[in-house]
N, C-alpha and C. Protein backbone atom coordinates (compact mmCIF):
# COMPACT_ATOMS: atom_id res chain seq x y z
N UNK A 1 20.59 -67.94 -95.27
CA UNK A 1 20.58 -67.14 -96.62
C UNK A 1 20.62 -65.74 -96.31
N UNK A 2 21.74 -64.97 -96.59
CA UNK A 2 22.08 -63.82 -96.17
C UNK A 2 21.41 -62.71 -97.22
N UNK A 3 20.81 -61.92 -96.66
CA UNK A 3 20.02 -60.63 -97.19
C UNK A 3 19.00 -60.96 -97.78
N UNK A 4 18.48 -62.38 -97.92
CA UNK A 4 17.36 -62.91 -98.93
C UNK A 4 16.40 -63.18 -97.96
N UNK A 5 14.88 -63.50 -98.55
CA UNK A 5 13.97 -64.21 -97.60
C UNK A 5 13.78 -65.45 -98.28
N UNK A 6 13.73 -66.32 -97.10
CA UNK A 6 13.55 -67.80 -97.40
C UNK A 6 11.97 -68.05 -97.40
N UNK A 7 11.22 -68.63 -98.35
CA UNK A 7 10.21 -68.90 -98.47
C UNK A 7 9.88 -70.30 -98.04
N UNK A 8 9.05 -70.42 -96.84
CA UNK A 8 8.52 -72.00 -96.73
C UNK A 8 7.55 -72.23 -97.26
N UNK A 9 7.64 -73.86 -97.79
CA UNK A 9 6.42 -74.48 -98.52
C UNK A 9 5.84 -75.13 -97.52
N UNK A 10 4.41 -74.49 -97.01
CA UNK A 10 3.74 -75.00 -96.11
C UNK A 10 2.52 -75.67 -96.66
N UNK A 11 1.97 -76.40 -95.94
CA UNK A 11 0.38 -76.92 -96.28
C UNK A 11 -0.52 -75.77 -96.60
N UNK A 12 -0.57 -74.70 -95.63
CA UNK A 12 -1.40 -73.59 -95.93
C UNK A 12 -0.95 -72.87 -97.15
N UNK A 13 0.27 -72.59 -97.58
CA UNK A 13 0.74 -72.02 -98.90
C UNK A 13 0.05 -72.79 -99.94
N UNK A 14 0.16 -74.07 -99.98
CA UNK A 14 -0.19 -74.92 -100.84
C UNK A 14 -1.65 -75.12 -101.15
N UNK A 15 -2.38 -74.93 -100.08
CA UNK A 15 -3.93 -74.85 -100.05
C UNK A 15 -4.33 -73.63 -100.53
N UNK A 16 -3.53 -72.32 -100.46
CA UNK A 16 -3.93 -71.11 -101.01
C UNK A 16 -3.52 -70.95 -102.49
N UNK A 17 -2.58 -71.61 -102.83
CA UNK A 17 -2.16 -71.81 -104.34
C UNK A 17 -3.13 -72.48 -105.12
N UNK A 18 -3.53 -73.48 -104.67
CA UNK A 18 -4.44 -74.38 -105.26
C UNK A 18 -5.99 -73.69 -105.23
N UNK A 19 -6.29 -73.09 -104.23
CA UNK A 19 -7.42 -72.17 -104.17
C UNK A 19 -7.40 -70.92 -105.40
N UNK A 20 -6.33 -70.43 -105.40
CA UNK A 20 -6.21 -69.33 -106.52
C UNK A 20 -6.29 -70.06 -107.79
N UNK A 21 -5.62 -71.27 -108.33
CA UNK A 21 -5.93 -71.88 -109.59
C UNK A 21 -7.06 -72.27 -109.60
N UNK A 22 -7.95 -72.64 -108.81
CA UNK A 22 -9.20 -73.51 -108.82
C UNK A 22 -10.12 -72.21 -109.39
N UNK A 23 -10.07 -71.10 -108.43
CA UNK A 23 -10.78 -69.94 -108.71
C UNK A 23 -10.66 -69.48 -110.25
N UNK A 24 -9.19 -69.24 -110.57
CA UNK A 24 -9.23 -68.75 -111.81
C UNK A 24 -9.37 -69.66 -113.14
N UNK A 25 -9.51 -70.86 -112.65
CA UNK A 25 -9.98 -72.06 -113.87
C UNK A 25 -11.32 -71.90 -114.01
N UNK A 26 -12.19 -71.39 -112.84
CA UNK A 26 -13.66 -70.99 -112.85
C UNK A 26 -13.92 -69.96 -113.73
N UNK A 27 -13.04 -69.03 -113.54
CA UNK A 27 -13.09 -67.76 -114.38
C UNK A 27 -12.69 -68.12 -115.88
N UNK A 28 -11.48 -68.73 -116.04
CA UNK A 28 -11.43 -69.09 -117.32
C UNK A 28 -12.20 -69.86 -118.22
N UNK A 29 -12.66 -70.88 -117.59
CA UNK A 29 -13.91 -71.33 -118.44
C UNK A 29 -15.10 -70.49 -118.67
N UNK A 30 -15.55 -69.63 -117.95
CA UNK A 30 -16.53 -68.63 -118.21
C UNK A 30 -16.05 -67.94 -119.32
N UNK A 31 -15.01 -67.21 -119.27
CA UNK A 31 -14.37 -66.25 -120.15
C UNK A 31 -14.24 -66.97 -121.49
N UNK A 32 -13.67 -68.29 -121.35
CA UNK A 32 -13.20 -68.86 -122.44
C UNK A 32 -14.58 -69.38 -123.34
N UNK A 33 -15.73 -69.69 -122.80
CA UNK A 33 -16.84 -70.01 -123.59
C UNK A 33 -17.47 -69.00 -123.98
N UNK A 34 -17.42 -67.70 -123.35
CA UNK A 34 -18.19 -66.55 -123.73
C UNK A 34 -17.14 -65.87 -124.92
N UNK A 35 -15.75 -66.02 -124.94
CA UNK A 35 -15.25 -65.59 -126.20
C UNK A 35 -15.37 -66.42 -127.11
N UNK A 36 -15.53 -67.56 -127.10
CA UNK A 36 -16.00 -68.49 -128.27
C UNK A 36 -17.31 -68.15 -128.86
N UNK A 37 -18.14 -67.80 -127.79
CA UNK A 37 -19.59 -67.39 -128.07
C UNK A 37 -19.72 -66.08 -128.86
N UNK A 38 -18.83 -65.06 -128.64
CA UNK A 38 -18.64 -64.03 -129.35
C UNK A 38 -18.23 -64.26 -130.65
N UNK A 39 -17.17 -65.12 -130.75
CA UNK A 39 -16.52 -65.37 -132.16
C UNK A 39 -17.44 -66.27 -133.01
N UNK A 40 -17.99 -67.25 -132.51
CA UNK A 40 -18.97 -68.23 -133.33
C UNK A 40 -20.27 -68.32 -132.70
N UNK A 41 -21.05 -67.33 -132.79
CA UNK A 41 -22.52 -67.18 -132.02
C UNK A 41 -23.48 -68.27 -132.81
N UNK A 42 -23.10 -68.61 -133.91
CA UNK A 42 -24.11 -69.54 -134.63
C UNK A 42 -23.73 -71.13 -134.36
N UNK A 43 -22.62 -71.48 -133.64
CA UNK A 43 -22.26 -72.63 -133.41
C UNK A 43 -22.57 -73.07 -131.72
N UNK A 44 -22.55 -71.99 -130.87
CA UNK A 44 -22.58 -72.02 -129.50
C UNK A 44 -24.11 -72.10 -129.23
N UNK A 45 -24.47 -72.60 -127.74
CA UNK A 45 -25.60 -72.46 -127.41
C UNK A 45 -25.80 -71.29 -126.38
N UNK A 46 -26.72 -70.51 -126.36
CA UNK A 46 -27.80 -70.34 -127.40
C UNK A 46 -27.29 -69.83 -128.89
N UNK A 47 -27.93 -70.37 -129.84
CA UNK A 47 -27.51 -70.10 -131.08
C UNK A 47 -28.16 -68.97 -131.51
N UNK A 48 -27.28 -67.77 -131.97
CA UNK A 48 -27.97 -66.45 -132.14
C UNK A 48 -27.11 -65.84 -133.58
N UNK A 49 -27.42 -64.88 -134.13
CA UNK A 49 -26.57 -64.13 -135.05
C UNK A 49 -25.92 -63.18 -134.38
N UNK A 50 -26.34 -62.49 -133.34
CA UNK A 50 -25.80 -61.56 -132.53
C UNK A 50 -25.64 -61.85 -131.24
N UNK A 51 -24.47 -62.12 -130.84
CA UNK A 51 -24.23 -62.59 -129.16
C UNK A 51 -24.67 -61.49 -128.39
N UNK A 52 -25.02 -61.84 -127.21
CA UNK A 52 -25.45 -60.85 -126.29
C UNK A 52 -24.10 -60.38 -125.17
N UNK A 53 -23.73 -59.33 -125.31
CA UNK A 53 -22.67 -58.86 -124.25
C UNK A 53 -23.30 -58.62 -122.97
N UNK A 54 -24.53 -58.33 -122.97
CA UNK A 54 -25.18 -58.10 -121.58
C UNK A 54 -25.52 -59.20 -121.00
N UNK A 55 -25.93 -60.35 -121.65
CA UNK A 55 -25.98 -61.37 -120.57
C UNK A 55 -24.64 -62.16 -120.25
N UNK A 56 -23.53 -62.13 -121.30
CA UNK A 56 -22.25 -62.30 -120.63
C UNK A 56 -21.67 -61.49 -119.42
N UNK A 57 -22.10 -60.31 -119.58
CA UNK A 57 -21.79 -59.43 -118.52
C UNK A 57 -22.43 -59.55 -117.33
N UNK A 58 -23.55 -59.94 -117.26
CA UNK A 58 -24.25 -60.41 -116.05
C UNK A 58 -24.01 -61.60 -115.60
N UNK A 59 -23.72 -62.69 -116.34
CA UNK A 59 -23.13 -63.83 -115.73
C UNK A 59 -21.62 -63.71 -115.04
N UNK A 60 -20.73 -62.79 -115.67
CA UNK A 60 -19.43 -62.68 -115.22
C UNK A 60 -19.43 -61.61 -114.02
N UNK A 61 -20.54 -60.75 -113.98
CA UNK A 61 -20.71 -60.33 -112.80
C UNK A 61 -21.12 -60.94 -111.46
N UNK A 62 -22.13 -61.90 -111.73
CA UNK A 62 -22.43 -62.86 -110.60
C UNK A 62 -21.25 -63.83 -110.59
N UNK A 63 -20.41 -64.37 -111.26
CA UNK A 63 -19.11 -65.02 -110.96
C UNK A 63 -18.15 -64.13 -110.31
N UNK A 64 -17.96 -62.91 -110.77
CA UNK A 64 -17.07 -61.74 -109.73
C UNK A 64 -17.40 -61.92 -108.52
N UNK A 65 -18.95 -61.80 -108.11
CA UNK A 65 -19.27 -61.73 -106.86
C UNK A 65 -19.10 -63.02 -106.02
N UNK A 66 -18.90 -63.89 -106.61
CA UNK A 66 -18.72 -65.35 -105.92
C UNK A 66 -17.34 -65.46 -105.73
N UNK A 67 -16.40 -65.34 -106.86
CA UNK A 67 -14.90 -65.35 -106.64
C UNK A 67 -14.42 -64.35 -105.35
N UNK A 68 -15.11 -63.16 -105.56
CA UNK A 68 -14.68 -62.03 -104.62
C UNK A 68 -14.92 -62.75 -103.27
N UNK A 69 -16.17 -63.28 -102.87
CA UNK A 69 -16.54 -63.91 -101.78
C UNK A 69 -15.46 -64.88 -101.17
N UNK A 70 -15.05 -65.88 -102.16
CA UNK A 70 -14.48 -66.85 -101.92
C UNK A 70 -12.81 -66.59 -101.76
N UNK A 71 -12.49 -65.52 -102.34
CA UNK A 71 -10.98 -65.25 -102.28
C UNK A 71 -10.36 -64.68 -100.86
N UNK A 72 -9.34 -64.86 -100.63
CA UNK A 72 -8.58 -64.47 -99.34
C UNK A 72 -8.77 -63.14 -99.02
N UNK A 73 -7.99 -62.46 -100.12
CA UNK A 73 -7.58 -61.03 -100.15
C UNK A 73 -7.73 -60.36 -101.44
N UNK A 74 -7.94 -58.98 -101.55
CA UNK A 74 -7.96 -58.32 -102.77
C UNK A 74 -6.61 -58.64 -103.91
N UNK A 75 -5.56 -58.70 -103.18
CA UNK A 75 -4.50 -59.30 -104.07
C UNK A 75 -4.62 -60.49 -104.66
N UNK A 76 -4.89 -61.55 -103.96
CA UNK A 76 -5.33 -63.04 -104.49
C UNK A 76 -6.50 -62.93 -105.76
N UNK A 77 -7.54 -61.92 -105.37
CA UNK A 77 -8.53 -61.58 -106.24
C UNK A 77 -8.00 -61.07 -107.63
N UNK A 78 -7.15 -60.31 -107.44
CA UNK A 78 -6.64 -59.59 -108.67
C UNK A 78 -5.64 -60.65 -109.55
N UNK A 79 -4.90 -61.53 -108.92
CA UNK A 79 -4.37 -62.59 -109.54
C UNK A 79 -5.06 -63.56 -110.28
N UNK A 80 -6.19 -63.96 -109.65
CA UNK A 80 -7.31 -65.05 -109.94
C UNK A 80 -8.02 -64.47 -111.30
N UNK A 81 -8.21 -63.09 -111.14
CA UNK A 81 -9.07 -62.58 -112.46
C UNK A 81 -8.20 -62.44 -113.50
N UNK A 82 -6.96 -61.83 -113.31
CA UNK A 82 -6.03 -61.75 -114.37
C UNK A 82 -5.62 -63.12 -115.22
N UNK A 83 -5.19 -63.85 -114.19
CA UNK A 83 -5.10 -65.26 -114.92
C UNK A 83 -6.36 -66.05 -115.59
N UNK A 84 -7.38 -65.89 -114.69
CA UNK A 84 -8.70 -66.40 -115.50
C UNK A 84 -9.03 -65.94 -117.00
N UNK A 85 -8.81 -64.47 -117.06
CA UNK A 85 -9.07 -63.90 -118.28
C UNK A 85 -8.13 -64.50 -119.41
N UNK A 86 -6.59 -64.45 -119.00
CA UNK A 86 -5.64 -65.25 -119.89
C UNK A 86 -5.86 -66.65 -120.15
N UNK A 87 -6.33 -67.36 -119.24
CA UNK A 87 -6.83 -68.76 -119.32
C UNK A 87 -8.17 -68.95 -120.25
N UNK A 88 -9.12 -67.88 -120.09
CA UNK A 88 -9.94 -67.68 -120.88
C UNK A 88 -10.03 -67.32 -122.03
N UNK A 89 -9.16 -66.54 -122.74
CA UNK A 89 -8.70 -66.38 -123.98
C UNK A 89 -8.15 -67.28 -124.78
N UNK A 90 -7.28 -68.32 -124.08
CA UNK A 90 -6.49 -69.27 -124.55
C UNK A 90 -7.67 -70.36 -124.69
N UNK A 91 -8.64 -70.59 -123.90
CA UNK A 91 -9.65 -71.59 -124.14
C UNK A 91 -10.46 -71.32 -125.39
N UNK A 92 -10.91 -70.03 -125.37
CA UNK A 92 -11.46 -69.65 -126.51
C UNK A 92 -10.96 -70.02 -127.80
N UNK A 93 -9.60 -69.76 -127.79
CA UNK A 93 -8.91 -70.18 -129.13
C UNK A 93 -9.06 -71.66 -129.35
N UNK A 94 -8.70 -72.34 -128.19
CA UNK A 94 -8.86 -73.92 -128.29
C UNK A 94 -10.05 -74.46 -128.84
N UNK A 95 -11.21 -73.75 -128.17
CA UNK A 95 -12.52 -74.27 -128.71
C UNK A 95 -12.78 -73.77 -130.33
N UNK A 96 -12.18 -72.59 -130.57
CA UNK A 96 -12.35 -72.27 -132.00
C UNK A 96 -11.77 -73.19 -132.85
N UNK A 97 -10.39 -73.54 -132.62
CA UNK A 97 -9.78 -74.88 -133.58
C UNK A 97 -10.02 -76.08 -133.05
N UNK A 98 -10.85 -76.34 -132.46
CA UNK A 98 -11.19 -77.67 -131.92
C UNK A 98 -11.54 -78.85 -132.80
N UNK A 99 -11.94 -78.20 -133.95
CA UNK A 99 -12.40 -79.36 -135.07
C UNK A 99 -10.91 -79.98 -135.76
N UNK A 100 -10.15 -79.24 -135.57
CA UNK A 100 -8.81 -79.62 -136.16
C UNK A 100 -8.12 -80.66 -135.51
N UNK A 101 -8.79 -80.99 -134.20
CA UNK A 101 -8.24 -82.01 -133.58
C UNK A 101 -8.84 -83.71 -134.35
N UNK A 102 -9.77 -83.48 -135.09
CA UNK A 102 -10.16 -84.45 -135.85
C UNK A 102 -9.15 -84.81 -137.10
N UNK A 103 -8.74 -85.93 -137.29
CA UNK A 103 -7.82 -86.33 -138.66
C UNK A 103 -8.42 -85.83 -139.90
N UNK A 104 -9.88 -86.08 -139.86
CA UNK A 104 -10.43 -85.73 -141.32
C UNK A 104 -10.46 -84.13 -141.61
N UNK A 105 -10.43 -83.37 -140.89
CA UNK A 105 -10.60 -81.82 -140.92
C UNK A 105 -9.13 -81.47 -140.70
N UNK A 106 -8.74 -80.59 -141.73
CA UNK A 106 -7.46 -79.85 -141.96
C UNK A 106 -7.62 -78.46 -141.98
N UNK A 107 -7.43 -77.60 -141.05
CA UNK A 107 -7.10 -76.20 -141.29
C UNK A 107 -5.77 -75.83 -141.28
N UNK A 108 -5.35 -75.24 -142.43
CA UNK A 108 -4.01 -74.78 -142.61
C UNK A 108 -3.72 -73.28 -141.94
N UNK A 109 -2.59 -73.47 -141.17
CA UNK A 109 -2.09 -72.36 -140.16
C UNK A 109 -3.23 -72.22 -139.03
N UNK A 110 -3.53 -72.97 -138.39
CA UNK A 110 -4.29 -72.89 -137.47
C UNK A 110 -3.93 -71.99 -136.23
N UNK A 111 -2.48 -71.87 -135.87
CA UNK A 111 -2.09 -71.20 -134.78
C UNK A 111 -2.28 -69.64 -135.25
N UNK A 112 -2.59 -69.47 -136.56
CA UNK A 112 -2.69 -67.88 -136.66
C UNK A 112 -3.93 -67.34 -136.51
N UNK A 113 -5.01 -68.31 -136.02
CA UNK A 113 -6.36 -68.01 -135.64
C UNK A 113 -6.49 -67.25 -134.36
N UNK A 114 -5.25 -67.42 -133.44
CA UNK A 114 -5.28 -66.67 -132.36
C UNK A 114 -5.68 -65.30 -132.41
N UNK A 115 -5.14 -64.66 -133.19
CA UNK A 115 -5.51 -63.18 -133.32
C UNK A 115 -6.74 -63.03 -133.81
N UNK A 116 -7.49 -63.94 -134.59
CA UNK A 116 -8.84 -63.54 -135.05
C UNK A 116 -9.75 -63.74 -133.68
N UNK A 117 -9.53 -64.75 -133.02
CA UNK A 117 -10.22 -65.06 -131.88
C UNK A 117 -10.18 -63.83 -130.80
N UNK A 118 -8.83 -63.42 -130.47
CA UNK A 118 -8.49 -62.43 -129.75
C UNK A 118 -9.20 -60.96 -130.09
N UNK A 119 -9.12 -60.79 -131.25
CA UNK A 119 -9.69 -59.41 -132.03
C UNK A 119 -11.21 -59.77 -131.82
N UNK A 120 -11.96 -60.78 -132.28
CA UNK A 120 -13.29 -60.82 -132.18
C UNK A 120 -13.69 -60.74 -130.66
N UNK A 121 -13.15 -61.58 -129.72
CA UNK A 121 -13.39 -61.30 -128.35
C UNK A 121 -12.85 -60.23 -127.41
N UNK A 122 -12.01 -59.25 -127.90
CA UNK A 122 -11.63 -58.22 -127.45
C UNK A 122 -12.62 -57.17 -126.51
N UNK A 123 -13.95 -57.03 -127.25
CA UNK A 123 -14.79 -56.30 -126.50
C UNK A 123 -15.26 -57.08 -125.16
N UNK A 124 -15.54 -58.68 -125.31
CA UNK A 124 -15.70 -59.17 -124.26
C UNK A 124 -14.64 -59.37 -123.05
N UNK A 125 -13.50 -59.35 -123.49
CA UNK A 125 -12.34 -59.49 -122.67
C UNK A 125 -12.32 -58.24 -121.79
N UNK A 126 -12.25 -57.03 -122.27
CA UNK A 126 -12.30 -55.82 -121.80
C UNK A 126 -13.55 -55.60 -120.76
N UNK A 127 -14.72 -56.03 -121.04
CA UNK A 127 -15.94 -55.85 -120.48
C UNK A 127 -15.94 -56.76 -119.29
N UNK A 128 -15.36 -58.15 -119.47
CA UNK A 128 -15.36 -59.38 -118.64
C UNK A 128 -14.38 -58.80 -117.58
N UNK A 129 -13.30 -58.31 -117.76
CA UNK A 129 -12.37 -57.74 -116.99
C UNK A 129 -12.90 -56.69 -115.89
N UNK A 130 -13.56 -55.69 -116.48
CA UNK A 130 -14.05 -54.79 -115.71
C UNK A 130 -15.13 -55.41 -114.82
N UNK A 131 -15.94 -55.93 -115.38
CA UNK A 131 -17.04 -56.68 -114.47
C UNK A 131 -16.77 -57.49 -113.54
N UNK A 132 -15.83 -58.29 -113.96
CA UNK A 132 -15.23 -59.20 -112.73
C UNK A 132 -14.37 -58.45 -111.69
N UNK A 133 -13.70 -57.48 -112.03
CA UNK A 133 -13.15 -56.83 -110.97
C UNK A 133 -14.20 -56.09 -110.10
N UNK A 134 -15.10 -55.29 -110.48
CA UNK A 134 -16.17 -54.68 -109.63
C UNK A 134 -17.02 -55.82 -108.87
N UNK A 135 -17.41 -56.80 -109.51
CA UNK A 135 -18.09 -57.74 -108.72
C UNK A 135 -17.21 -58.41 -107.85
N UNK A 136 -16.03 -58.80 -107.97
CA UNK A 136 -14.90 -59.53 -107.18
C UNK A 136 -14.60 -58.43 -105.93
N UNK A 137 -14.57 -57.10 -106.07
CA UNK A 137 -14.53 -56.16 -105.09
C UNK A 137 -15.55 -56.24 -104.12
N UNK A 138 -16.85 -56.12 -104.81
CA UNK A 138 -18.06 -56.21 -103.97
C UNK A 138 -18.33 -57.51 -103.10
N UNK A 139 -17.84 -58.53 -103.93
CA UNK A 139 -18.05 -59.91 -103.10
C UNK A 139 -16.89 -59.99 -102.05
N UNK A 140 -15.66 -59.47 -102.20
CA UNK A 140 -14.76 -59.62 -101.04
C UNK A 140 -15.33 -58.71 -100.11
N UNK A 141 -15.84 -57.57 -100.37
CA UNK A 141 -16.22 -56.63 -99.17
C UNK A 141 -17.58 -57.36 -98.60
N UNK A 142 -18.31 -58.05 -99.32
CA UNK A 142 -19.39 -58.55 -98.62
C UNK A 142 -18.88 -59.76 -97.63
N UNK A 143 -17.82 -60.42 -98.07
CA UNK A 143 -17.35 -61.40 -97.60
C UNK A 143 -16.68 -61.08 -96.30
N UNK A 144 -16.22 -59.99 -96.31
CA UNK A 144 -15.17 -59.32 -94.96
C UNK A 144 -16.38 -58.59 -94.19
N UNK A 145 -17.50 -57.98 -94.83
CA UNK A 145 -18.37 -57.47 -94.11
C UNK A 145 -18.97 -58.41 -93.03
N UNK A 146 -19.42 -59.58 -93.76
CA UNK A 146 -20.01 -60.59 -92.90
C UNK A 146 -19.22 -61.29 -92.06
N UNK A 147 -17.99 -61.46 -92.10
CA UNK A 147 -17.05 -61.98 -91.10
C UNK A 147 -16.82 -61.32 -89.85
N UNK A 148 -16.90 -59.89 -90.15
CA UNK A 148 -16.70 -59.09 -89.03
C UNK A 148 -18.20 -58.94 -88.36
N UNK A 149 -19.17 -58.99 -88.84
CA UNK A 149 -20.46 -59.13 -88.16
C UNK A 149 -20.52 -60.29 -87.25
N UNK A 150 -20.05 -61.45 -87.96
CA UNK A 150 -20.27 -62.82 -87.04
C UNK A 150 -19.03 -62.98 -86.25
N UNK A 151 -17.99 -62.05 -86.12
CA UNK A 151 -16.86 -62.31 -85.11
C UNK A 151 -17.40 -61.70 -83.80
N UNK A 152 -17.13 -62.60 -82.60
CA UNK A 152 -17.38 -62.42 -81.36
C UNK A 152 -16.56 -60.99 -81.01
N UNK A 153 -17.03 -60.23 -80.20
CA UNK A 153 -16.76 -58.89 -79.77
C UNK A 153 -15.79 -59.08 -78.65
N UNK A 154 -14.52 -58.26 -78.57
CA UNK A 154 -13.65 -58.37 -77.48
C UNK A 154 -14.46 -57.77 -76.51
N UNK A 155 -15.21 -57.04 -76.57
CA UNK A 155 -16.10 -56.24 -75.25
C UNK A 155 -17.11 -57.03 -74.79
N UNK A 156 -17.45 -58.08 -75.35
CA UNK A 156 -18.44 -59.02 -74.77
C UNK A 156 -18.28 -59.65 -73.62
N UNK A 157 -16.96 -60.08 -73.33
CA UNK A 157 -16.48 -60.73 -72.22
C UNK A 157 -16.58 -59.76 -71.27
N UNK A 158 -16.28 -58.34 -71.35
CA UNK A 158 -16.22 -57.44 -70.17
C UNK A 158 -17.77 -57.24 -69.87
N UNK A 159 -18.60 -57.07 -70.75
CA UNK A 159 -19.91 -56.79 -70.55
C UNK A 159 -20.68 -57.99 -69.53
N UNK A 160 -20.30 -59.02 -69.90
CA UNK A 160 -20.88 -60.43 -69.10
C UNK A 160 -20.21 -60.53 -67.87
N UNK A 161 -18.92 -60.09 -67.53
CA UNK A 161 -18.30 -59.76 -66.27
C UNK A 161 -18.86 -59.04 -65.41
N UNK A 162 -19.20 -57.86 -66.18
CA UNK A 162 -19.89 -56.53 -65.39
C UNK A 162 -21.28 -56.99 -65.01
N UNK A 163 -22.23 -57.65 -65.79
CA UNK A 163 -23.26 -58.03 -65.44
C UNK A 163 -23.52 -58.98 -64.45
N UNK A 164 -22.54 -59.82 -64.06
CA UNK A 164 -22.45 -60.52 -63.17
C UNK A 164 -22.13 -60.16 -61.75
N UNK A 165 -21.60 -59.11 -61.65
CA UNK A 165 -21.19 -58.36 -60.40
C UNK A 165 -22.42 -57.68 -59.57
């Protein structure tokens, strides 16, 4: 290949891609349920009249910490969060129109309700994105900090050799 970069598809790359997909799916499920919860609070659990963005933000912050700790790098973390938010918005829409999957229930122009669900869930999507990024950055930092602490020091062997003399 002249002038181009050949990408090799190895087992490690496949595992990294599957890990990104799995972590973004976890984010997508949480964001999707909370976007449905904001859109239809009287149908979801817990049933309320006013959905709590504070509760959703706290859970998404915890999820961001976990995903950040499990991510390989900040670049993959950003991809996982952005992909998870898009998946979550689509899942919230699918949950909203899910009664139309029954043949007895018919909602005309169900495809137009995606704008309704996006508009009602927009504050959650913005808050969720910010909270997931902050939690993810702290989770990645904590994970890297613990890995550095648990790594064997290259100077430890010199100290052991010096004490034996």
